[in-house]
């Protein structure tokens, strides 16, 4: 895990584990080419949602916010087939 760029602790690691996602997978998805899927929500902090792929080709929906100058993964999960197709089409595949 990249602790210089990402803000990880027990809570966000546990949360994404409930979605069968490892911290390293969330980082990989964000470090590659992503597709912005942010929408306006009622969260008190600014959040960014993106689709990205891991090195193994797993497509993930990852939502982040900035905390203490680092990216904090709020949630990460594998999207449904329609959203995966949207990601692939957006990437020209």
PDB file of N, CA and C in Angstrom:
ATOM      1  N   UNK A   1       0.842  -1.187   0.000  1.00  0.00           N
ATOM      2  CA  UNK A   1       0.000   0.000   0.000  1.00  0.00           C
ATOM      3  C   UNK A   1       0.881   1.242   0.000  1.00  0.00           C
ATOM      4  N   UNK A   2       0.437   2.253  -0.687  1.00  0.00           N
ATOM      5  CA  UNK A   2       1.184   3.504  -0.785  1.00  0.00           C
ATOM      6  C   UNK A   2       0.678   4.461   0.296  1.00  0.00           C
ATOM      7  N   UNK A   3       1.346   4.473   1.448  1.00  0.00           N
ATOM      8  CA  UNK A   3       0.906   5.317   2.563  1.00  0.00           C
ATOM      9  C   UNK A   3       1.267   6.786   2.391  1.00  0.00           C
ATOM     10  N   UNK A   4       2.085   7.115   1.388  1.00  0.00           N
ATOM     11  CA  UNK A   4       2.402   8.516   1.136  1.00  0.00           C
ATOM     12  C   UNK A   4       1.294   9.201   0.354  1.00  0.00           C
ATOM     13  N   UNK A   5       0.625   8.465  -0.506  1.00  0.00           N
ATOM     14  CA  UNK A   5      -0.423   9.031  -1.350  1.00  0.00           C
ATOM     15  C   UNK A   5      -1.818   8.749  -0.809  1.00  0.00           C
ATOM     16  N   UNK A   6      -1.997   7.587  -0.159  1.00  0.00           N
ATOM     17  CA  UNK A   6      -3.319   7.155   0.300  1.00  0.00           C
ATOM     18  C   UNK A   6      -3.411   7.141   1.817  1.00  0.00           C
ATOM     19  N   UNK A   7      -4.596   7.443   2.320  1.00  0.00           N
ATOM     20  CA  UNK A   7      -4.884   7.449   3.750  1.00  0.00           C
ATOM     21  C   UNK A   7      -5.662   6.173   4.089  1.00  0.00           C
ATOM     22  N   UNK A   8      -4.947   5.188   4.639  1.00  0.00           N
ATOM     23  CA  UNK A   8      -5.568   3.913   5.004  1.00  0.00           C
ATOM     24  C   UNK A   8      -5.592   3.758   6.516  1.00  0.00           C
ATOM     25  N   UNK A   9      -6.687   3.203   7.024  1.00  0.00           N
ATOM     26  CA  UNK A   9      -6.758   2.800   8.419  1.00  0.00           C
ATOM     27  C   UNK A   9      -7.697   1.598   8.501  1.00  0.00           C
ATOM     28  N   UNK A  10      -7.900   1.093   9.703  1.00  0.00           N
ATOM     29  CA  UNK A  10      -8.722  -0.099   9.893  1.00  0.00           C
ATOM     30  C   UNK A  10     -10.105   0.069   9.286  1.00  0.00           C
ATOM     31  N   UNK A  11     -10.703   1.237   9.470  1.00  0.00           N
ATOM     32  CA  UNK A  11     -12.092   1.438   9.047  1.00  0.00           C
ATOM     33  C   UNK A  11     -12.270   1.350   7.532  1.00  0.00           C
ATOM     34  N   UNK A  12     -11.453   2.075   6.753  1.00  0.00           N
ATOM     35  CA  UNK A  12     -11.677   2.011   5.307  1.00  0.00           C
ATOM     36  C   UNK A  12     -11.185   0.695   4.717  1.00  0.00           C
ATOM     37  N   UNK A  13     -10.171   0.079   5.303  1.00  0.00           N
ATOM     38  CA  UNK A  13      -9.738  -1.239   4.839  1.00  0.00           C
ATOM     39  C   UNK A  13     -10.843  -2.264   5.094  1.00  0.00           C
ATOM     40  N   UNK A  14     -11.441  -2.218   6.284  1.00  0.00           N
ATOM     41  CA  UNK A  14     -12.531  -3.130   6.625  1.00  0.00           C
ATOM     42  C   UNK A  14     -13.730  -2.917   5.707  1.00  0.00           C
ATOM     43  N   UNK A  15     -14.053  -1.659   5.451  1.00  0.00           N
ATOM     44  CA  UNK A  15     -15.219  -1.368   4.622  1.00  0.00           C
ATOM     45  C   UNK A  15     -15.064  -1.928   3.206  1.00  0.00           C
ATOM     46  N   UNK A  16     -13.933  -1.679   2.562  1.00  0.00           N
ATOM     47  CA  UNK A  16     -13.797  -2.186   1.193  1.00  0.00           C
ATOM     48  C   UNK A  16     -13.649  -3.707   1.178  1.00  0.00           C
ATOM     49  N   UNK A  17     -13.130  -4.291   2.265  1.00  0.00           N
ATOM     50  CA  UNK A  17     -13.045  -5.754   2.360  1.00  0.00           C
ATOM     51  C   UNK A  17     -14.446  -6.374   2.334  1.00  0.00           C
ATOM     52  N   UNK A  18     -15.431  -5.659   2.861  1.00  0.00           N
ATOM     53  CA  UNK A  18     -16.816  -6.144   2.812  1.00  0.00           C
ATOM     54  C   UNK A  18     -17.305  -6.245   1.370  1.00  0.00           C
ATOM     55  N   UNK A  19     -16.655  -5.526   0.456  1.00  0.00           N
ATOM     56  CA  UNK A  19     -16.982  -5.562  -0.970  1.00  0.00           C
ATOM     57  C   UNK A  19     -15.979  -6.430  -1.734  1.00  0.00           C
ATOM     58  N   UNK A  20     -15.182  -7.208  -0.998  1.00  0.00           N
ATOM     59  CA  UNK A  20     -14.160  -8.092  -1.584  1.00  0.00           C
ATOM     60  C   UNK A  20     -13.119  -7.338  -2.399  1.00  0.00           C
ATOM     61  N   UNK A  21     -12.717  -6.176  -1.896  1.00  0.00           N
ATOM     62  CA  UNK A  21     -11.689  -5.360  -2.554  1.00  0.00           C
ATOM     63  C   UNK A  21     -10.535  -5.166  -1.577  1.00  0.00           C
ATOM     64  N   UNK A  22      -9.327  -5.340  -2.066  1.00  0.00           N
ATOM     65  CA  UNK A  22      -8.122  -5.091  -1.276  1.00  0.00           C
ATOM     66  C   UNK A  22      -7.646  -3.659  -1.487  1.00  0.00           C
ATOM     67  N   UNK A  23      -6.971  -3.068  -0.505  1.00  0.00           N
ATOM     68  CA  UNK A  23      -6.441  -1.711  -0.685  1.00  0.00           C
ATOM     69  C   UNK A  23      -5.561  -1.586  -1.928  1.00  0.00           C
ATOM     70  N   UNK A  24      -4.741  -2.601  -2.191  1.00  0.00           N
ATOM     71  CA  UNK A  24      -3.858  -2.551  -3.354  1.00  0.00           C
ATOM     72  C   UNK A  24      -4.662  -2.495  -4.661  1.00  0.00           C
ATOM     73  N   UNK A  25      -5.805  -3.174  -4.692  1.00  0.00           N
ATOM     74  CA  UNK A  25      -6.644  -3.139  -5.893  1.00  0.00           C
ATOM     75  C   UNK A  25      -7.248  -1.751  -6.100  1.00  0.00           C
ATOM     76  N   UNK A  26      -7.714  -1.137  -5.021  1.00  0.00           N
ATOM     77  CA  UNK A  26      -8.283   0.210  -5.125  1.00  0.00           C
ATOM     78  C   UNK A  26      -7.220   1.191  -5.617  1.00  0.00           C
ATOM     79  N   UNK A  27      -6.006   1.074  -5.094  1.00  0.00           N
ATOM     80  CA  UNK A  27      -4.915   1.949  -5.522  1.00  0.00           C
ATOM     81  C   UNK A  27      -4.597   1.734  -7.002  1.00  0.00           C
ATOM     82  N   UNK A  28      -4.494   0.480  -7.429  1.00  0.00           N
ATOM     83  CA  UNK A  28      -4.203   0.186  -8.837  1.00  0.00           C
ATOM     84  C   UNK A  28      -5.265   0.786  -9.750  1.00  0.00           C
ATOM     85  N   UNK A  29      -6.532   0.633  -9.364  1.00  0.00           N
ATOM     86  CA  UNK A  29      -7.622   1.155 -10.191  1.00  0.00           C
ATOM     87  C   UNK A  29      -7.514   2.670 -10.348  1.00  0.00           C
ATOM     88  N   UNK A  30      -7.106   3.352  -9.295  1.00  0.00           N
ATOM     89  CA  UNK A  30      -7.000   4.810  -9.338  1.00  0.00           C
ATOM     90  C   UNK A  30      -5.728   5.294 -10.016  1.00  0.00           C
ATOM     91  N   UNK A  31      -4.686   4.489 -10.031  1.00  0.00           N
ATOM     92  CA  UNK A  31      -3.411   4.915 -10.595  1.00  0.00           C
ATOM     93  C   UNK A  31      -3.366   4.775 -12.116  1.00  0.00           C
ATOM     94  N   UNK A  32      -4.290   4.020 -12.675  1.00  0.00           N
ATOM     95  CA  UNK A  32      -4.349   3.871 -14.125  1.00  0.00           C
ATOM     96  C   UNK A  32      -5.254   4.921 -14.742  1.00  0.00           C
ATOM     97  N   UNK A  33      -5.694   4.664 -15.942  1.00  0.00           N
ATOM     98  CA  UNK A  33      -6.633   5.569 -16.613  1.00  0.00           C
ATOM     99  C   UNK A  33      -8.021   5.333 -16.025  1.00  0.00           C
ATOM    100  N   UNK A  34      -8.636   6.414 -15.566  1.00  0.00           N
ATOM    101  CA  UNK A  34      -9.945   6.298 -14.921  1.00  0.00           C
ATOM    102  C   UNK A  34     -11.009   7.047 -15.707  1.00  0.00           C
ATOM    103  N   UNK A  35     -12.255   6.716 -15.399  1.00  0.00           N
ATOM    104  CA  UNK A  35     -13.408   7.405 -15.963  1.00  0.00           C
ATOM    105  C   UNK A  35     -14.174   8.007 -14.798  1.00  0.00           C
ATOM    106  N   UNK A  36     -14.376   9.316 -14.837  1.00  0.00           N
ATOM    107  CA  UNK A  36     -15.072  10.034 -13.768  1.00  0.00           C
ATOM    108  C   UNK A  36     -16.556   9.679 -13.783  1.00  0.00           C
ATOM    109  N   UNK A  37     -17.076   9.253 -12.640  1.00  0.00           N
ATOM    110  CA  UNK A  37     -18.510   8.977 -12.510  1.00  0.00           C
ATOM    111  C   UNK A  37     -19.075   9.696 -11.291  1.00  0.00           C
ATOM    112  N   UNK A  38     -18.431  10.799 -10.915  1.00  0.00           N
ATOM    113  CA  UNK A  38     -18.892  11.557  -9.753  1.00  0.00           C
ATOM    114  C   UNK A  38     -20.274  12.125 -10.013  1.00  0.00           C
ATOM    115  N   UNK A  39     -21.028  12.222  -8.943  1.00  0.00           N
ATOM    116  CA  UNK A  39     -22.318  12.903  -9.019  1.00  0.00           C
ATOM    117  C   UNK A  39     -22.461  13.740  -7.763  1.00  0.00           C
ATOM    118  N   UNK A  40     -23.349  14.705  -7.806  1.00  0.00           N
ATOM    119  CA  UNK A  40     -23.554  15.546  -6.628  1.00  0.00           C
ATOM    120  C   UNK A  40     -24.254  14.717  -5.561  1.00  0.00           C
ATOM    121  N   UNK A  41     -23.667  14.690  -4.384  1.00  0.00           N
ATOM    122  CA  UNK A  41     -24.321  14.009  -3.276  1.00  0.00           C
ATOM    123  C   UNK A  41     -24.419  14.969  -2.106  1.00  0.00           C
ATOM    124  N   UNK A  42     -25.010  14.506  -1.049  1.00  0.00           N
ATOM    125  CA  UNK A  42     -25.226  15.360   0.120  1.00  0.00           C
ATOM    126  C   UNK A  42     -24.125  15.223   1.155  1.00  0.00           C
ATOM    127  N   UNK A  43     -22.985  14.689   0.752  1.00  0.00           N
ATOM    128  CA  UNK A  43     -21.880  14.502   1.681  1.00  0.00           C
ATOM    129  C   UNK A  43     -21.315  15.858   2.097  1.00  0.00           C
ATOM    130  N   UNK A  44     -20.944  15.990   3.365  1.00  0.00           N
ATOM    131  CA  UNK A  44     -20.365  17.262   3.827  1.00  0.00           C
ATOM    132  C   UNK A  44     -18.950  17.506   3.293  1.00  0.00           C
ATOM    133  N   UNK A  45     -18.317  16.468   2.731  1.00  0.00           N
ATOM    134  CA  UNK A  45     -16.979  16.639   2.167  1.00  0.00           C
ATOM    135  C   UNK A  45     -17.019  16.332   0.671  1.00  0.00           C
ATOM    136  N   UNK A  46     -16.099  16.950  -0.060  1.00  0.00           N
ATOM    137  CA  UNK A  46     -16.043  16.728  -1.499  1.00  0.00           C
ATOM    138  C   UNK A  46     -15.532  15.316  -1.775  1.00  0.00           C
ATOM    139  N   UNK A  47     -16.258  14.611  -2.631  1.00  0.00           N
ATOM    140  CA  UNK A  47     -15.886  13.242  -2.982  1.00  0.00           C
ATOM    141  C   UNK A  47     -15.771  13.099  -4.487  1.00  0.00           C
ATOM    142  N   UNK A  48     -14.904  12.194  -4.905  1.00  0.00           N
ATOM    143  CA  UNK A  48     -14.668  11.910  -6.318  1.00  0.00           C
ATOM    144  C   UNK A  48     -14.906  10.418  -6.524  1.00  0.00           C
ATOM    145  N   UNK A  49     -15.748  10.064  -7.504  1.00  0.00           N
ATOM    146  CA  UNK A  49     -15.982   8.664  -7.839  1.00  0.00           C
ATOM    147  C   UNK A  49     -15.455   8.393  -9.231  1.00  0.00           C
ATOM    148  N   UNK A  50     -14.699   7.307  -9.351  1.00  0.00           N
ATOM    149  CA  UNK A  50     -14.082   6.959 -10.620  1.00  0.00           C
ATOM    150  C   UNK A  50     -14.158   5.460 -10.861  1.00  0.00           C
ATOM    151  N   UNK A  51     -14.198   5.106 -12.142  1.00  0.00           N
ATOM    152  CA  UNK A  51     -14.068   3.713 -12.549  1.00  0.00           C
ATOM    153  C   UNK A  51     -12.642   3.517 -13.018  1.00  0.00           C
ATOM    154  N   UNK A  52     -12.047   2.409 -12.623  1.00  0.00           N
ATOM    155  CA  UNK A  52     -10.690   2.100 -13.048  1.00  0.00           C
ATOM    156  C   UNK A  52     -10.485   0.602 -13.039  1.00  0.00           C
ATOM    157  N   UNK A  53      -9.383   0.175 -13.618  1.00  0.00           N
ATOM    158  CA  UNK A  53      -9.093  -1.256 -13.701  1.00  0.00           C
ATOM    159  C   UNK A  53      -7.792  -1.578 -12.982  1.00  0.00           C
ATOM    160  N   UNK A  54      -7.761  -2.761 -12.387  1.00  0.00           N
ATOM    161  CA  UNK A  54      -6.541  -3.252 -11.754  1.00  0.00           C
ATOM    162  C   UNK A  54      -5.630  -3.836 -12.828  1.00  0.00           C
ATOM    163  N   UNK A  55      -4.407  -4.159 -12.449  1.00  0.00           N
ATOM    164  CA  UNK A  55      -3.475  -4.792 -13.386  1.00  0.00           C
ATOM    165  C   UNK A  55      -4.012  -6.132 -13.877  1.00  0.00           C
ATOM    166  N   UNK A  56      -4.822  -6.792 -13.050  1.00  0.00           N
ATOM    167  CA  UNK A  56      -5.418  -8.074 -13.428  1.00  0.00           C
ATOM    168  C   UNK A  56      -6.671  -7.900 -14.290  1.00  0.00           C
ATOM    169  N   UNK A  57      -7.080  -6.631 -14.521  1.00  0.00           N
ATOM    170  CA  UNK A  57      -8.236  -6.365 -15.371  1.00  0.00           C
ATOM    171  C   UNK A  57      -9.561  -6.259 -14.644  1.00  0.00           C
ATOM    172  N   UNK A  58      -9.545  -6.285 -13.337  1.00  0.00           N
ATOM    173  CA  UNK A  58     -10.787  -6.138 -12.561  1.00  0.00           C
ATOM    174  C   UNK A  58     -11.206  -4.672 -12.575  1.00  0.00           C
ATOM    175  N   UNK A  59     -12.439  -4.402 -12.978  1.00  0.00           N
ATOM    176  CA  UNK A  59     -12.956  -3.035 -13.015  1.00  0.00           C
ATOM    177  C   UNK A  59     -13.590  -2.717 -11.672  1.00  0.00           C
ATOM    178  N   UNK A  60     -13.218  -1.564 -11.104  1.00  0.00           N
ATOM    179  CA  UNK A  60     -13.728  -1.154  -9.799  1.00  0.00           C
ATOM    180  C   UNK A  60     -14.285   0.256  -9.845  1.00  0.00           C
ATOM    181  N   UNK A  61     -15.282   0.491  -9.042  1.00  0.00           N
ATOM    182  CA  UNK A  61     -15.832   1.820  -8.780  1.00  0.00           C
ATOM    183  C   UNK A  61     -15.224   2.236  -7.444  1.00  0.00           C
ATOM    184  N   UNK A  62     -14.453   3.325  -7.438  1.00  0.00           N
ATOM    185  CA  UNK A  62     -13.753   3.764  -6.232  1.00  0.00           C
ATOM    186  C   UNK A  62     -14.136   5.217  -5.934  1.00  0.00           C
ATOM    187  N   UNK A  63     -14.555   5.467  -4.709  1.00  0.00           N
ATOM    188  CA  UNK A  63     -14.889   6.823  -4.267  1.00  0.00           C
ATOM    189  C   UNK A  63     -13.854   7.266  -3.247  1.00  0.00           C
ATOM    190  N   UNK A  64     -13.323   8.480  -3.454  1.00  0.00           N
ATOM    191  CA  UNK A  64     -12.282   9.010  -2.580  1.00  0.00           C
ATOM    192  C   UNK A  64     -12.622  10.412  -2.100  1.00  0.00           C
ATOM    193  N   UNK A  65     -11.905  10.839  -1.081  1.00  0.00           N
ATOM    194  CA  UNK A  65     -11.939  12.213  -0.602  1.00  0.00           C
ATOM    195  C   UNK A  65     -10.516  12.559  -0.164  1.00  0.00           C
ATOM    196  N   UNK A  66     -10.222  13.829  -0.024  1.00  0.00           N
ATOM    197  CA  UNK A  66      -8.894  14.246   0.449  1.00  0.00           C
ATOM    198  C   UNK A  66      -8.939  14.411   1.966  1.00  0.00           C
ATOM    199  N   UNK A  67      -7.975  13.789   2.646  1.00  0.00           N
ATOM    200  CA  UNK A  67      -7.833  13.948   4.090  1.00  0.00           C
ATOM    201  C   UNK A  67      -6.354  14.068   4.414  1.00  0.00           C
ATOM    202  N   UNK A  68      -6.011  15.087   5.156  1.00  0.00           N
ATOM    203  CA  UNK A  68      -4.617  15.299   5.574  1.00  0.00           C
ATOM    204  C   UNK A  68      -3.658  15.234   4.386  1.00  0.00           C
ATOM    205  N   UNK A  69      -4.103  15.768   3.250  1.00  0.00           N
ATOM    206  CA  UNK A  69      -3.252  15.828   2.062  1.00  0.00           C
ATOM    207  C   UNK A  69      -3.073  14.513   1.327  1.00  0.00           C
ATOM    208  N   UNK A  70      -3.867  13.502   1.685  1.00  0.00           N
ATOM    209  CA  UNK A  70      -3.778  12.205   1.012  1.00  0.00           C
ATOM    210  C   UNK A  70      -5.166  11.757   0.564  1.00  0.00           C
ATOM    211  N   UNK A  71      -5.197  10.877  -0.434  1.00  0.00           N
ATOM    212  CA  UNK A  71      -6.456  10.319  -0.914  1.00  0.00           C
ATOM    213  C   UNK A  71      -6.960   9.273   0.061  1.00  0.00           C
ATOM    214  N   UNK A  72      -8.186   9.424   0.511  1.00  0.00           N
ATOM    215  CA  UNK A  72      -8.798   8.422   1.386  1.00  0.00           C
ATOM    216  C   UNK A  72      -9.876   7.701   0.597  1.00  0.00           C
ATOM    217  N   UNK A  73      -9.743   6.400   0.486  1.00  0.00           N
ATOM    218  CA  UNK A  73     -10.763   5.604  -0.198  1.00  0.00           C
ATOM    219  C   UNK A  73     -11.943   5.474   0.753  1.00  0.00           C
ATOM    220  N   UNK A  74     -13.085   6.011   0.316  1.00  0.00           N
ATOM    221  CA  UNK A  74     -14.310   5.962   1.103  1.00  0.00           C
ATOM    222  C   UNK A  74     -15.001   4.619   0.879  1.00  0.00           C
ATOM    223  N   UNK A  75     -15.052   4.191  -0.382  1.00  0.00           N
ATOM    224  CA  UNK A  75     -15.613   2.890  -0.724  1.00  0.00           C
ATOM    225  C   UNK A  75     -15.023   2.430  -2.048  1.00  0.00           C
ATOM    226  N   UNK A  76     -15.067   1.138  -2.276  1.00  0.00           N
ATOM    227  CA  UNK A  76     -14.618   0.554  -3.538  1.00  0.00           C
ATOM    228  C   UNK A  76     -15.376  -0.754  -3.721  1.00  0.00           C
ATOM    229  N   UNK A  77     -15.872  -0.968  -4.926  1.00  0.00           N
ATOM    230  CA  UNK A  77     -16.641  -2.184  -5.191  1.00  0.00           C
ATOM    231  C   UNK A  77     -16.639  -2.472  -6.676  1.00  0.00           C
ATOM    232  N   UNK A  78     -16.993  -3.705  -7.015  1.00  0.00           N
ATOM    233  CA  UNK A  78     -17.099  -4.091  -8.414  1.00  0.00           C
ATOM    234  C   UNK A  78     -18.486  -3.680  -8.912  1.00  0.00           C
ATOM    235  N   UNK A  79     -18.551  -2.848  -9.958  1.00  0.00           N
ATOM    236  CA  UNK A  79     -19.854  -2.381 -10.441  1.00  0.00           C
ATOM    237  C   UNK A  79     -20.574  -3.469 -11.232  1.00  0.00           C
ATOM    238  N   UNK A  80     -21.836  -3.197 -11.537  1.00  0.00           N
ATOM    239  CA  UNK A  80     -22.615  -4.165 -12.318  1.00  0.00           C
ATOM    240  C   UNK A  80     -22.139  -4.178 -13.775  1.00  0.00           C
ATOM    241  N   UNK A  81     -22.660  -5.127 -14.550  1.00  0.00           N
ATOM    242  CA  UNK A  81     -22.206  -5.336 -15.931  1.00  0.00           C
ATOM    243  C   UNK A  81     -22.426  -4.099 -16.809  1.00  0.00           C
ATOM    244  N   UNK A  82     -23.516  -3.385 -16.612  1.00  0.00           N
ATOM    245  CA  UNK A  82     -23.805  -2.191 -17.414  1.00  0.00           C
ATOM    246  C   UNK A  82     -22.739  -1.117 -17.185  1.00  0.00           C
ATOM    247  N   UNK A  83     -22.356  -0.919 -15.947  1.00  0.00           N
ATOM    248  CA  UNK A  83     -21.339   0.087 -15.628  1.00  0.00           C
ATOM    249  C   UNK A  83     -19.963  -0.355 -16.132  1.00  0.00           C
ATOM    250  N   UNK A  84     -19.681  -1.640 -16.059  1.00  0.00           N
ATOM    251  CA  UNK A  84     -18.418  -2.151 -16.608  1.00  0.00           C
ATOM    252  C   UNK A  84     -18.354  -1.890 -18.108  1.00  0.00           C
ATOM    253  N   UNK A  85     -19.463  -2.125 -18.822  1.00  0.00           N
ATOM    254  CA  UNK A  85     -19.497  -1.842 -20.271  1.00  0.00           C
ATOM    255  C   UNK A  85     -19.278  -0.361 -20.525  1.00  0.00           C
ATOM    256  N   UNK A  86     -19.893   0.498 -19.712  1.00  0.00           N
ATOM    257  CA  UNK A  86     -19.707   1.942 -19.839  1.00  0.00           C
ATOM    258  C   UNK A  86     -18.225   2.289 -19.720  1.00  0.00           C
ATOM    259  N   UNK A  87     -17.544   1.705 -18.749  1.00  0.00           N
ATOM    260  CA  UNK A  87     -16.111   1.953 -18.571  1.00  0.00           C
ATOM    261  C   UNK A  87     -15.342   1.523 -19.819  1.00  0.00           C
ATOM    262  N   UNK A  88     -15.615   0.326 -20.297  1.00  0.00           N
ATOM    263  CA  UNK A  88     -14.888  -0.191 -21.461  1.00  0.00           C
ATOM    264  C   UNK A  88     -15.155   0.646 -22.704  1.00  0.00           C
ATOM    265  N   UNK A  89     -16.403   1.044 -22.917  1.00  0.00           N
ATOM    266  CA  UNK A  89     -16.744   1.893 -24.071  1.00  0.00           C
ATOM    267  C   UNK A  89     -16.055   3.254 -23.934  1.00  0.00           C
ATOM    268  N   UNK A  90     -16.067   3.806 -22.739  1.00  0.00           N
ATOM    269  CA  UNK A  90     -15.427   5.106 -22.505  1.00  0.00           C
ATOM    270  C   UNK A  90     -13.927   5.051 -22.769  1.00  0.00           C
ATOM    271  N   UNK A  91     -13.344   3.903 -22.563  1.00  0.00           N
ATOM    272  CA  UNK A  91     -11.916   3.712 -22.807  1.00  0.00           C
ATOM    273  C   UNK A  91     -11.626   3.300 -24.251  1.00  0.00           C
ATOM    274  N   UNK A  92     -12.678   3.171 -25.071  1.00  0.00           N
ATOM    275  CA  UNK A  92     -12.494   2.813 -26.475  1.00  0.00           C
ATOM    276  C   UNK A  92     -12.245   1.342 -26.708  1.00  0.00           C
ATOM    277  N   UNK A  93     -12.731   0.506 -25.792  1.00  0.00           N
ATOM    278  CA  UNK A  93     -12.534  -0.939 -25.944  1.00  0.00           C
ATOM    279  C   UNK A  93     -13.812  -1.631 -26.314  1.00  0.00           C
TER     280      UNK A  93
END
